[in-house]
Amino acid sequence: MPCSPSVPERLKRSLAALALCLLVPLAALAEGRIDHAEIVAGDEGYVVNADIDLELNPRLVEAVNRGVSLYFSAQFVVERDRWYWLDEVVAERALNFRLTYNAIARSYRLSVGSFHQSFETLESAVRTMQRIRNWLIVPAGELKAGTIYRAALRFQLDTSLLPKPFQVTAIGSRDWNLATDWQRWTFQAGGNP
């Protein structure tokens, strides 16, 4: 006659099932991906170039067309390994985008800091936002030549900047959780950026 699993064994199985249930929804949040990302030595320091593949779902398209501003954020981190302590965060940057629709002008406006550009279609505004070029991450001289660094980049809809009623709606709603996974890679700092 087979014996039933012991209490610790049943507890392990229950915890494993719970962890699997929690991980599946989190994986489903990553709706897009980063097709290409690189760090290049530029004139003023190290810059990032990236191509992001992220598509707005119908709920987000409807929201922006009704006048709700959507905020997106590209987040970038550069770290250096340390054997004696936690890894050192060398640089941590965010590039914030604001996407709006002007019903009077019938155009979409993409804002990055103090820079604004208007587009006739939503698709062209989103396409421009997803092509990051020459984003200064680390000024010249802050990275030690010959040292290996780890880089990580992700892109996401920032629901914390939405109007309060939409923030409440966004809690637990898959339509408002639009993000890529972290894209991670290593690079070696050159001599003179």
N, C-alpha and C. Protein backbone atom coordinates (compact mmCIF):
# COMPACT_ATOMS: atom_id res chain seq x y z
N MET A 1 0.84 -1.17 0.00
CA MET A 1 0.00 0.00 0.00
C MET A 1 0.89 1.24 0.00
N PRO A 2 0.71 2.16 -0.97
CA PRO A 2 1.57 3.34 -1.01
C PRO A 2 1.25 4.28 0.14
N CYS A 3 2.28 4.85 0.69
CA CYS A 3 2.04 5.79 1.78
C CYS A 3 1.90 7.21 1.23
N SER A 4 1.15 8.00 1.96
CA SER A 4 0.93 9.38 1.53
C SER A 4 2.18 10.21 1.82
N PRO A 5 2.37 11.28 1.05
CA PRO A 5 3.55 12.11 1.28
C PRO A 5 3.53 12.72 2.68
N SER A 6 4.70 12.91 3.21
CA SER A 6 4.81 13.51 4.54
C SER A 6 4.42 14.98 4.48
N VAL A 7 4.22 15.57 5.63
CA VAL A 7 3.82 16.97 5.71
C VAL A 7 4.86 17.88 5.06
N PRO A 8 6.17 17.70 5.33
CA PRO A 8 7.15 18.57 4.66
C PRO A 8 7.13 18.41 3.14
N GLU A 9 6.90 17.18 2.66
CA GLU A 9 6.85 16.95 1.22
C GLU A 9 5.64 17.64 0.60
N ARG A 10 4.48 17.56 1.25
CA ARG A 10 3.28 18.24 0.77
C ARG A 10 3.47 19.76 0.79
N LEU A 11 4.15 20.26 1.82
CA LEU A 11 4.42 21.69 1.91
C LEU A 11 5.32 22.14 0.76
N LYS A 12 6.34 21.34 0.45
CA LYS A 12 7.23 21.67 -0.68
C LYS A 12 6.46 21.70 -1.99
N ARG A 13 5.59 20.73 -2.19
CA ARG A 13 4.80 20.69 -3.42
C ARG A 13 3.84 21.89 -3.51
N SER A 14 3.23 22.23 -2.40
CA SER A 14 2.31 23.39 -2.38
C SER A 14 3.04 24.68 -2.68
N LEU A 15 4.21 24.84 -2.08
CA LEU A 15 5.00 26.06 -2.33
C LEU A 15 5.47 26.13 -3.77
N ALA A 16 5.84 25.00 -4.34
CA ALA A 16 6.27 24.97 -5.75
C ALA A 16 5.10 25.34 -6.67
N ALA A 17 3.91 24.81 -6.37
CA ALA A 17 2.74 25.15 -7.18
C ALA A 17 2.39 26.63 -7.05
N LEU A 18 2.49 27.16 -5.83
CA LEU A 18 2.21 28.58 -5.61
C LEU A 18 3.22 29.45 -6.36
N ALA A 19 4.48 29.08 -6.31
CA ALA A 19 5.51 29.85 -7.03
C ALA A 19 5.25 29.82 -8.53
N LEU A 20 4.85 28.69 -9.06
CA LEU A 20 4.55 28.58 -10.49
C LEU A 20 3.36 29.47 -10.85
N CYS A 21 2.34 29.50 -10.02
CA CYS A 21 1.16 30.34 -10.27
C CYS A 21 1.53 31.82 -10.24
N LEU A 22 2.44 32.19 -9.38
CA LEU A 22 2.84 33.59 -9.29
C LEU A 22 3.74 34.00 -10.45
N LEU A 23 4.57 33.10 -10.93
CA LEU A 23 5.51 33.42 -12.00
C LEU A 23 4.83 33.54 -13.36
N VAL A 24 3.81 32.76 -13.61
CA VAL A 24 3.15 32.79 -14.92
C VAL A 24 2.55 34.16 -15.21
N PRO A 25 1.77 34.79 -14.29
CA PRO A 25 1.26 36.13 -14.60
C PRO A 25 2.36 37.16 -14.77
N LEU A 26 3.45 37.05 -14.01
CA LEU A 26 4.54 38.02 -14.15
C LEU A 26 5.19 37.88 -15.52
N ALA A 27 5.33 36.68 -16.01
CA ALA A 27 5.92 36.49 -17.33
C ALA A 27 5.00 37.03 -18.41
N ALA A 28 3.70 36.97 -18.16
CA ALA A 28 2.74 37.45 -19.15
C ALA A 28 2.76 38.97 -19.27
N LEU A 29 3.34 39.67 -18.28
CA LEU A 29 3.39 41.12 -18.32
C LEU A 29 4.33 41.62 -19.41
N ALA A 30 5.34 40.85 -19.72
CA ALA A 30 6.31 41.29 -20.71
C ALA A 30 5.70 41.13 -22.10
N GLU A 31 5.13 42.19 -22.60
CA GLU A 31 4.43 42.17 -23.88
C GLU A 31 5.36 42.47 -25.05
N GLY A 32 6.47 43.10 -24.81
CA GLY A 32 7.37 43.48 -25.88
C GLY A 32 8.75 42.90 -25.67
N ARG A 33 9.66 43.33 -26.53
CA ARG A 33 11.04 42.87 -26.39
C ARG A 33 11.98 43.95 -26.93
N ILE A 34 13.21 43.83 -26.54
CA ILE A 34 14.25 44.72 -27.04
C ILE A 34 14.98 43.95 -28.14
N ASP A 35 14.84 44.43 -29.38
CA ASP A 35 15.44 43.73 -30.52
C ASP A 35 16.95 43.92 -30.57
N HIS A 36 17.41 45.11 -30.21
CA HIS A 36 18.84 45.41 -30.32
C HIS A 36 19.18 46.46 -29.28
N ALA A 37 20.28 46.28 -28.60
CA ALA A 37 20.77 47.28 -27.64
C ALA A 37 22.29 47.20 -27.59
N GLU A 38 22.93 48.36 -27.57
CA GLU A 38 24.38 48.41 -27.52
C GLU A 38 24.85 49.69 -26.84
N ILE A 39 26.05 49.62 -26.29
CA ILE A 39 26.71 50.79 -25.74
C ILE A 39 27.87 51.11 -26.68
N VAL A 40 27.96 52.38 -27.05
CA VAL A 40 28.98 52.82 -27.99
C VAL A 40 29.71 54.01 -27.37
N ALA A 41 31.01 54.06 -27.57
CA ALA A 41 31.79 55.21 -27.12
C ALA A 41 31.52 56.38 -28.05
N GLY A 42 31.02 57.48 -27.49
CA GLY A 42 30.73 58.67 -28.28
C GLY A 42 31.68 59.80 -27.93
N ASP A 43 31.42 60.99 -28.44
CA ASP A 43 32.29 62.14 -28.19
C ASP A 43 32.27 62.57 -26.73
N GLU A 44 31.10 62.55 -26.10
CA GLU A 44 30.96 63.04 -24.72
C GLU A 44 30.99 61.93 -23.68
N GLY A 45 30.97 60.68 -24.12
CA GLY A 45 30.95 59.55 -23.20
C GLY A 45 30.34 58.33 -23.87
N TYR A 46 29.78 57.44 -23.07
CA TYR A 46 29.17 56.23 -23.59
C TYR A 46 27.69 56.47 -23.83
N VAL A 47 27.23 56.08 -25.01
CA VAL A 47 25.83 56.28 -25.39
C VAL A 47 25.18 54.93 -25.69
N VAL A 48 23.86 54.89 -25.56
CA VAL A 48 23.09 53.68 -25.84
C VAL A 48 22.28 53.88 -27.11
N ASN A 49 22.27 52.85 -27.94
CA ASN A 49 21.40 52.76 -29.10
C ASN A 49 20.55 51.51 -28.91
N ALA A 50 19.24 51.63 -29.10
CA ALA A 50 18.36 50.48 -28.88
C ALA A 50 17.16 50.54 -29.81
N ASP A 51 16.70 49.36 -30.20
CA ASP A 51 15.47 49.20 -30.97
C ASP A 51 14.53 48.34 -30.15
N ILE A 52 13.34 48.87 -29.87
CA ILE A 52 12.38 48.22 -29.01
C ILE A 52 11.16 47.82 -29.83
N ASP A 53 10.68 46.62 -29.59
CA ASP A 53 9.48 46.13 -30.26
C ASP A 53 8.38 46.01 -29.21
N LEU A 54 7.49 46.99 -29.21
CA LEU A 54 6.42 47.05 -28.21
C LEU A 54 5.18 47.60 -28.91
N GLU A 55 4.09 46.88 -28.82
CA GLU A 55 2.88 47.29 -29.51
C GLU A 55 1.81 47.70 -28.50
N LEU A 56 1.18 48.85 -28.74
CA LEU A 56 0.10 49.30 -27.87
C LEU A 56 -1.13 48.43 -28.10
N ASN A 57 -1.74 47.98 -27.01
CA ASN A 57 -2.96 47.18 -27.15
C ASN A 57 -4.15 48.12 -27.37
N PRO A 58 -5.30 47.59 -27.78
CA PRO A 58 -6.46 48.44 -28.09
C PRO A 58 -6.90 49.35 -26.95
N ARG A 59 -6.78 48.91 -25.71
CA ARG A 59 -7.18 49.75 -24.58
C ARG A 59 -6.30 50.99 -24.47
N LEU A 60 -4.98 50.84 -24.69
CA LEU A 60 -4.07 51.98 -24.63
C LEU A 60 -4.28 52.93 -25.81
N VAL A 61 -4.55 52.36 -26.98
CA VAL A 61 -4.83 53.19 -28.17
C VAL A 61 -6.09 54.01 -27.92
N GLU A 62 -7.13 53.38 -27.37
CA GLU A 62 -8.37 54.10 -27.08
C GLU A 62 -8.13 55.21 -26.04
N ALA A 63 -7.34 54.90 -25.02
CA ALA A 63 -7.06 55.89 -23.96
C ALA A 63 -6.36 57.12 -24.53
N VAL A 64 -5.32 56.92 -25.33
CA VAL A 64 -4.59 58.07 -25.88
C VAL A 64 -5.46 58.85 -26.86
N ASN A 65 -6.29 58.16 -27.62
CA ASN A 65 -7.17 58.84 -28.56
C ASN A 65 -8.27 59.64 -27.86
N ARG A 66 -8.54 59.31 -26.61
CA ARG A 66 -9.53 60.05 -25.82
C ARG A 66 -8.90 61.15 -24.96
N GLY A 67 -7.61 61.37 -25.16
CA GLY A 67 -6.95 62.48 -24.47
C GLY A 67 -6.14 62.13 -23.24
N VAL A 68 -5.99 60.86 -22.93
CA VAL A 68 -5.19 60.45 -21.77
C VAL A 68 -3.72 60.42 -22.20
N SER A 69 -2.87 61.10 -21.46
CA SER A 69 -1.43 61.08 -21.74
C SER A 69 -0.85 59.76 -21.25
N LEU A 70 -0.06 59.11 -22.11
CA LEU A 70 0.63 57.89 -21.73
C LEU A 70 2.10 58.20 -21.51
N TYR A 71 2.63 57.67 -20.44
CA TYR A 71 4.03 57.90 -20.08
C TYR A 71 4.80 56.59 -20.18
N PHE A 72 5.93 56.65 -20.85
CA PHE A 72 6.79 55.49 -21.01
C PHE A 72 8.17 55.81 -20.46
N SER A 73 8.89 54.78 -20.05
CA SER A 73 10.21 54.99 -19.48
C SER A 73 11.17 53.92 -19.97
N ALA A 74 12.33 54.36 -20.45
CA ALA A 74 13.44 53.45 -20.76
C ALA A 74 14.38 53.55 -19.57
N GLN A 75 14.66 52.43 -18.95
CA GLN A 75 15.52 52.41 -17.77
C GLN A 75 16.80 51.67 -18.08
N PHE A 76 17.93 52.26 -17.67
CA PHE A 76 19.23 51.69 -18.00
C PHE A 76 20.11 51.67 -16.76
N VAL A 77 20.84 50.57 -16.57
CA VAL A 77 21.73 50.41 -15.42
C VAL A 77 23.06 49.86 -15.89
N VAL A 78 24.16 50.43 -15.38
CA VAL A 78 25.50 49.90 -15.60
C VAL A 78 26.06 49.51 -14.24
N GLU A 79 26.52 48.26 -14.13
CA GLU A 79 27.07 47.75 -12.87
C GLU A 79 28.45 47.16 -13.09
N ARG A 80 29.22 47.14 -12.00
CA ARG A 80 30.56 46.52 -12.01
C ARG A 80 30.59 45.49 -10.89
N ASP A 81 31.13 44.29 -11.20
CA ASP A 81 31.23 43.23 -10.20
C ASP A 81 32.21 43.62 -9.11
N ARG A 82 31.86 43.25 -7.88
CA ARG A 82 32.77 43.37 -6.74
C ARG A 82 32.74 42.06 -5.98
N TRP A 83 33.87 41.50 -5.72
CA TRP A 83 33.93 40.20 -5.05
C TRP A 83 33.65 40.33 -3.55
N TYR A 84 33.88 41.49 -2.95
CA TYR A 84 33.81 41.64 -1.51
C TYR A 84 32.49 42.21 -1.01
N TRP A 85 31.61 42.63 -1.91
CA TRP A 85 30.38 43.27 -1.49
C TRP A 85 29.37 43.18 -2.62
N LEU A 86 28.27 43.87 -2.50
CA LEU A 86 27.29 43.90 -3.58
C LEU A 86 27.90 44.59 -4.80
N ASP A 87 27.36 44.28 -5.96
CA ASP A 87 27.85 44.90 -7.18
C ASP A 87 27.67 46.41 -7.12
N GLU A 88 28.63 47.14 -7.69
CA GLU A 88 28.58 48.60 -7.70
C GLU A 88 27.73 49.10 -8.87
N VAL A 89 26.76 49.94 -8.58
CA VAL A 89 25.96 50.58 -9.62
C VAL A 89 26.73 51.81 -10.08
N VAL A 90 27.26 51.76 -11.29
CA VAL A 90 28.07 52.84 -11.83
C VAL A 90 27.19 53.95 -12.40
N ALA A 91 26.12 53.55 -13.07
CA ALA A 91 25.20 54.54 -13.67
C ALA A 91 23.79 53.96 -13.67
N GLU A 92 22.83 54.82 -13.40
CA GLU A 92 21.42 54.44 -13.45
C GLU A 92 20.67 55.61 -14.06
N ARG A 93 20.10 55.38 -15.24
CA ARG A 93 19.46 56.47 -15.98
C ARG A 93 18.05 56.07 -16.40
N ALA A 94 17.21 57.07 -16.62
CA ALA A 94 15.86 56.86 -17.14
C ALA A 94 15.59 57.90 -18.22
N LEU A 95 15.00 57.46 -19.30
CA LEU A 95 14.59 58.34 -20.38
C LEU A 95 13.07 58.26 -20.45
N ASN A 96 12.40 59.39 -20.19
CA ASN A 96 10.95 59.41 -20.06
C ASN A 96 10.29 60.02 -21.29
N PHE A 97 9.23 59.37 -21.74
CA PHE A 97 8.47 59.79 -22.91
C PHE A 97 7.03 60.10 -22.49
N ARG A 98 6.43 61.09 -23.13
CA ARG A 98 5.02 61.40 -22.92
C ARG A 98 4.34 61.42 -24.28
N LEU A 99 3.30 60.61 -24.43
CA LEU A 99 2.58 60.49 -25.69
C LEU A 99 1.16 61.03 -25.48
N THR A 100 0.79 62.04 -26.27
CA THR A 100 -0.53 62.66 -26.14
C THR A 100 -1.18 62.82 -27.52
N TYR A 101 -2.48 63.06 -27.49
CA TYR A 101 -3.22 63.33 -28.71
C TYR A 101 -3.89 64.69 -28.59
N ASN A 102 -3.74 65.51 -29.63
CA ASN A 102 -4.38 66.83 -29.68
C ASN A 102 -5.55 66.73 -30.66
N ALA A 103 -6.78 66.76 -30.12
CA ALA A 103 -7.97 66.57 -30.95
C ALA A 103 -8.18 67.75 -31.90
N ILE A 104 -7.80 68.95 -31.50
CA ILE A 104 -7.99 70.13 -32.36
C ILE A 104 -7.07 70.05 -33.57
N ALA A 105 -5.80 69.75 -33.33
CA ALA A 105 -4.83 69.67 -34.43
C ALA A 105 -4.84 68.29 -35.11
N ARG A 106 -5.55 67.35 -34.51
CA ARG A 106 -5.59 65.97 -35.00
C ARG A 106 -4.20 65.42 -35.23
N SER A 107 -3.38 65.55 -34.20
CA SER A 107 -2.01 65.05 -34.28
C SER A 107 -1.59 64.48 -32.93
N TYR A 108 -0.60 63.61 -32.99
CA TYR A 108 -0.03 63.01 -31.80
C TYR A 108 1.26 63.73 -31.47
N ARG A 109 1.50 63.91 -30.19
CA ARG A 109 2.70 64.63 -29.76
C ARG A 109 3.53 63.73 -28.85
N LEU A 110 4.80 63.62 -29.19
CA LEU A 110 5.74 62.84 -28.39
C LEU A 110 6.72 63.81 -27.76
N SER A 111 6.81 63.75 -26.43
CA SER A 111 7.70 64.64 -25.68
C SER A 111 8.76 63.81 -24.98
N VAL A 112 10.01 64.26 -25.11
CA VAL A 112 11.14 63.67 -24.39
C VAL A 112 11.86 64.84 -23.76
N GLY A 113 11.68 65.03 -22.46
CA GLY A 113 12.23 66.20 -21.79
C GLY A 113 11.61 67.46 -22.36
N SER A 114 12.41 68.41 -22.80
CA SER A 114 11.90 69.65 -23.37
C SER A 114 11.75 69.58 -24.89
N PHE A 115 12.06 68.42 -25.47
CA PHE A 115 11.93 68.23 -26.91
C PHE A 115 10.54 67.67 -27.23
N HIS A 116 9.84 68.29 -28.18
CA HIS A 116 8.50 67.85 -28.59
C HIS A 116 8.47 67.68 -30.10
N GLN A 117 7.75 66.67 -30.55
CA GLN A 117 7.58 66.45 -31.98
C GLN A 117 6.16 65.98 -32.24
N SER A 118 5.54 66.49 -33.30
CA SER A 118 4.17 66.12 -33.66
C SER A 118 4.18 65.12 -34.81
N PHE A 119 3.18 64.23 -34.80
CA PHE A 119 3.05 63.18 -35.80
C PHE A 119 1.61 63.11 -36.26
N GLU A 120 1.40 62.74 -37.50
CA GLU A 120 0.05 62.60 -38.03
C GLU A 120 -0.62 61.31 -37.57
N THR A 121 0.17 60.27 -37.34
CA THR A 121 -0.40 58.98 -36.92
C THR A 121 0.22 58.52 -35.61
N LEU A 122 -0.55 57.72 -34.89
CA LEU A 122 -0.07 57.14 -33.65
C LEU A 122 1.09 56.17 -33.91
N GLU A 123 0.99 55.43 -35.00
CA GLU A 123 2.03 54.46 -35.33
C GLU A 123 3.39 55.12 -35.52
N SER A 124 3.42 56.26 -36.19
CA SER A 124 4.71 56.93 -36.41
C SER A 124 5.27 57.49 -35.11
N ALA A 125 4.41 57.96 -34.21
CA ALA A 125 4.89 58.45 -32.92
C ALA A 125 5.47 57.31 -32.09
N VAL A 126 4.78 56.18 -32.06
CA VAL A 126 5.25 55.02 -31.30
C VAL A 126 6.55 54.48 -31.90
N ARG A 127 6.63 54.42 -33.21
CA ARG A 127 7.84 53.94 -33.89
C ARG A 127 9.05 54.81 -33.53
N THR A 128 8.85 56.13 -33.49
CA THR A 128 9.94 57.04 -33.13
C THR A 128 10.38 56.83 -31.69
N MET A 129 9.41 56.62 -30.80
CA MET A 129 9.71 56.41 -29.38
C MET A 129 10.52 55.13 -29.16
N GLN A 130 10.29 54.14 -30.00
CA GLN A 130 10.93 52.85 -29.82
C GLN A 130 12.31 52.74 -30.47
N ARG A 131 12.79 53.83 -31.01
CA ARG A 131 14.11 53.83 -31.63
C ARG A 131 14.98 54.83 -30.87
N ILE A 132 15.70 54.35 -29.90
CA ILE A 132 16.54 55.20 -29.04
C ILE A 132 17.93 55.29 -29.66
N ARG A 133 18.40 56.52 -29.84
CA ARG A 133 19.73 56.73 -30.43
C ARG A 133 20.50 57.78 -29.64
N ASN A 134 21.79 57.51 -29.44
CA ASN A 134 22.74 58.44 -28.82
C ASN A 134 22.26 58.97 -27.47
N TRP A 135 21.75 58.08 -26.64
CA TRP A 135 21.33 58.43 -25.28
C TRP A 135 22.56 58.36 -24.38
N LEU A 136 23.03 59.49 -23.91
CA LEU A 136 24.23 59.55 -23.07
C LEU A 136 23.96 58.89 -21.73
N ILE A 137 24.73 57.85 -21.43
CA ILE A 137 24.55 57.09 -20.20
C ILE A 137 25.64 57.42 -19.19
N VAL A 138 26.89 57.37 -19.63
CA VAL A 138 28.01 57.61 -18.73
C VAL A 138 28.94 58.63 -19.37
N PRO A 139 29.19 59.77 -18.69
CA PRO A 139 30.11 60.76 -19.24
C PRO A 139 31.53 60.20 -19.40
N ALA A 140 32.28 60.81 -20.29
CA ALA A 140 33.65 60.38 -20.55
C ALA A 140 34.46 60.40 -19.26
N GLY A 141 35.27 59.38 -19.08
CA GLY A 141 36.17 59.32 -17.94
C GLY A 141 35.61 58.64 -16.71
N GLU A 142 34.31 58.30 -16.68
CA GLU A 142 33.74 57.66 -15.49
C GLU A 142 33.88 56.15 -15.50
N LEU A 143 34.18 55.55 -16.65
CA LEU A 143 34.41 54.12 -16.72
C LEU A 143 35.90 53.86 -16.88
N LYS A 144 36.40 52.89 -16.15
CA LYS A 144 37.82 52.55 -16.18
C LYS A 144 38.11 51.69 -17.41
N ALA A 145 39.06 52.12 -18.22
CA ALA A 145 39.41 51.41 -19.46
C ALA A 145 39.85 49.98 -19.14
N GLY A 146 39.36 49.03 -19.95
CA GLY A 146 39.72 47.63 -19.79
C GLY A 146 38.86 46.87 -18.79
N THR A 147 38.00 47.55 -18.07
CA THR A 147 37.15 46.91 -17.08
C THR A 147 35.87 46.40 -17.74
N ILE A 148 35.43 45.23 -17.30
CA ILE A 148 34.19 44.64 -17.81
C ILE A 148 33.03 45.16 -16.95
N TYR A 149 31.98 45.64 -17.62
CA TYR A 149 30.78 46.14 -16.96
C TYR A 149 29.57 45.37 -17.45
N ARG A 150 28.54 45.34 -16.62
CA ARG A 150 27.26 44.74 -17.01
C ARG A 150 26.27 45.86 -17.28
N ALA A 151 25.51 45.72 -18.36
CA ALA A 151 24.50 46.70 -18.73
C ALA A 151 23.14 46.02 -18.74
N ALA A 152 22.10 46.78 -18.41
CA ALA A 152 20.72 46.25 -18.45
C ALA A 152 19.80 47.37 -18.91
N LEU A 153 18.85 47.02 -19.78
CA LEU A 153 17.91 47.99 -20.33
C LEU A 153 16.52 47.38 -20.37
N ARG A 154 15.52 48.20 -20.02
CA ARG A 154 14.13 47.78 -20.20
C ARG A 154 13.30 49.00 -20.56
N PHE A 155 12.11 48.75 -21.11
CA PHE A 155 11.20 49.79 -21.56
C PHE A 155 9.81 49.43 -21.06
N GLN A 156 9.09 50.41 -20.49
CA GLN A 156 7.79 50.09 -19.93
C GLN A 156 6.86 51.29 -19.89
N LEU A 157 5.57 50.99 -19.82
CA LEU A 157 4.55 52.00 -19.58
C LEU A 157 4.61 52.34 -18.11
N ASP A 158 4.73 53.64 -17.79
CA ASP A 158 4.83 54.08 -16.40
C ASP A 158 3.44 54.47 -15.90
N THR A 159 2.78 53.54 -15.22
CA THR A 159 1.41 53.79 -14.75
C THR A 159 1.37 54.72 -13.54
N SER A 160 2.49 54.97 -12.90
CA SER A 160 2.49 55.85 -11.73
C SER A 160 2.24 57.31 -12.11
N LEU A 161 2.40 57.67 -13.39
CA LEU A 161 2.18 59.04 -13.84
C LEU A 161 0.81 59.25 -14.49
N LEU A 162 0.02 58.19 -14.58
CA LEU A 162 -1.33 58.31 -15.12
C LEU A 162 -2.23 59.07 -14.15
N PRO A 163 -3.34 59.64 -14.62
CA PRO A 163 -4.31 60.24 -13.69
C PRO A 163 -4.79 59.17 -12.69
N LYS A 164 -5.13 59.58 -11.48
CA LYS A 164 -5.48 58.65 -10.39
C LYS A 164 -6.53 57.61 -10.77
N PRO A 165 -7.64 57.97 -11.46
CA PRO A 165 -8.61 56.92 -11.81
C PRO A 165 -8.00 55.82 -12.68
N PHE A 166 -7.09 56.18 -13.54
CA PHE A 166 -6.45 55.19 -14.41
C PHE A 166 -5.43 54.36 -13.62
N GLN A 167 -4.81 54.96 -12.61
CA GLN A 167 -3.88 54.20 -11.78
C GLN A 167 -4.62 53.08 -11.05
N VAL A 168 -5.82 53.39 -10.57
CA VAL A 168 -6.62 52.37 -9.89
C VAL A 168 -7.02 51.28 -10.88
N THR A 169 -7.42 51.67 -12.07
CA THR A 169 -7.79 50.70 -13.11
C THR A 169 -6.60 49.84 -13.50
N ALA A 170 -5.41 50.42 -13.51
CA ALA A 170 -4.22 49.71 -13.94
C ALA A 170 -3.79 48.61 -12.98
N ILE A 171 -4.20 48.72 -11.71
CA ILE A 171 -3.82 47.72 -10.72
C ILE A 171 -4.47 46.39 -11.11
N GLY A 172 -3.66 45.42 -11.38
CA GLY A 172 -4.15 44.09 -11.71
C GLY A 172 -4.70 43.93 -13.12
N SER A 173 -4.64 44.98 -13.93
CA SER A 173 -5.14 44.88 -15.30
C SER A 173 -3.99 44.61 -16.26
N ARG A 174 -4.11 43.57 -17.01
CA ARG A 174 -3.05 43.21 -17.96
C ARG A 174 -2.91 44.25 -19.07
N ASP A 175 -4.01 44.92 -19.43
CA ASP A 175 -3.98 45.91 -20.50
C ASP A 175 -3.07 47.09 -20.19
N TRP A 176 -2.89 47.38 -18.91
CA TRP A 176 -2.09 48.54 -18.51
C TRP A 176 -0.68 48.16 -18.08
N ASN A 177 -0.34 46.89 -18.11
CA ASN A 177 0.99 46.42 -17.73
C ASN A 177 1.77 46.06 -18.99
N LEU A 178 2.33 47.08 -19.60
CA LEU A 178 3.04 46.91 -20.87
C LEU A 178 4.52 47.16 -20.62
N ALA A 179 5.34 46.14 -20.84
CA ALA A 179 6.78 46.28 -20.55
C ALA A 179 7.57 45.21 -21.30
N THR A 180 8.86 45.46 -21.41
CA THR A 180 9.78 44.45 -21.92
C THR A 180 10.50 43.82 -20.73
N ASP A 181 11.09 42.68 -20.95
CA ASP A 181 11.99 42.11 -19.95
C ASP A 181 13.29 42.91 -19.96
N TRP A 182 14.08 42.74 -18.92
CA TRP A 182 15.40 43.37 -18.90
C TRP A 182 16.28 42.70 -19.95
N GLN A 183 16.90 43.49 -20.79
CA GLN A 183 17.91 43.00 -21.74
C GLN A 183 19.26 43.22 -21.06
N ARG A 184 20.03 42.16 -20.86
CA ARG A 184 21.30 42.27 -20.13
C ARG A 184 22.45 41.82 -21.02
N TRP A 185 23.58 42.50 -20.90
CA TRP A 185 24.79 42.13 -21.63
C TRP A 185 26.00 42.74 -20.93
N THR A 186 27.19 42.28 -21.32
CA THR A 186 28.42 42.82 -20.75
C THR A 186 29.18 43.56 -21.85
N PHE A 187 30.00 44.51 -21.43
CA PHE A 187 30.84 45.23 -22.37
C PHE A 187 32.12 45.64 -21.66
N GLN A 188 33.15 45.88 -22.43
CA GLN A 188 34.44 46.31 -21.90
C GLN A 188 34.63 47.77 -22.26
N ALA A 189 34.94 48.57 -21.25
CA ALA A 189 35.17 50.01 -21.48
C ALA A 189 36.45 50.18 -22.28
N GLY A 190 36.39 51.09 -23.26
CA GLY A 190 37.55 51.37 -24.09
C GLY A 190 38.44 52.43 -23.47
N GLY A 191 39.46 52.82 -24.19
CA GLY A 191 40.41 53.81 -23.69
C GLY A 191 39.89 55.21 -23.69
N ASN A 192 39.45 55.73 -24.82
CA ASN A 192 38.99 57.12 -24.92
C ASN A 192 37.63 57.18 -25.60
N PRO A 193 36.56 57.35 -24.82
CA PRO A 193 35.26 57.46 -25.45
C PRO A 193 35.12 58.78 -26.15
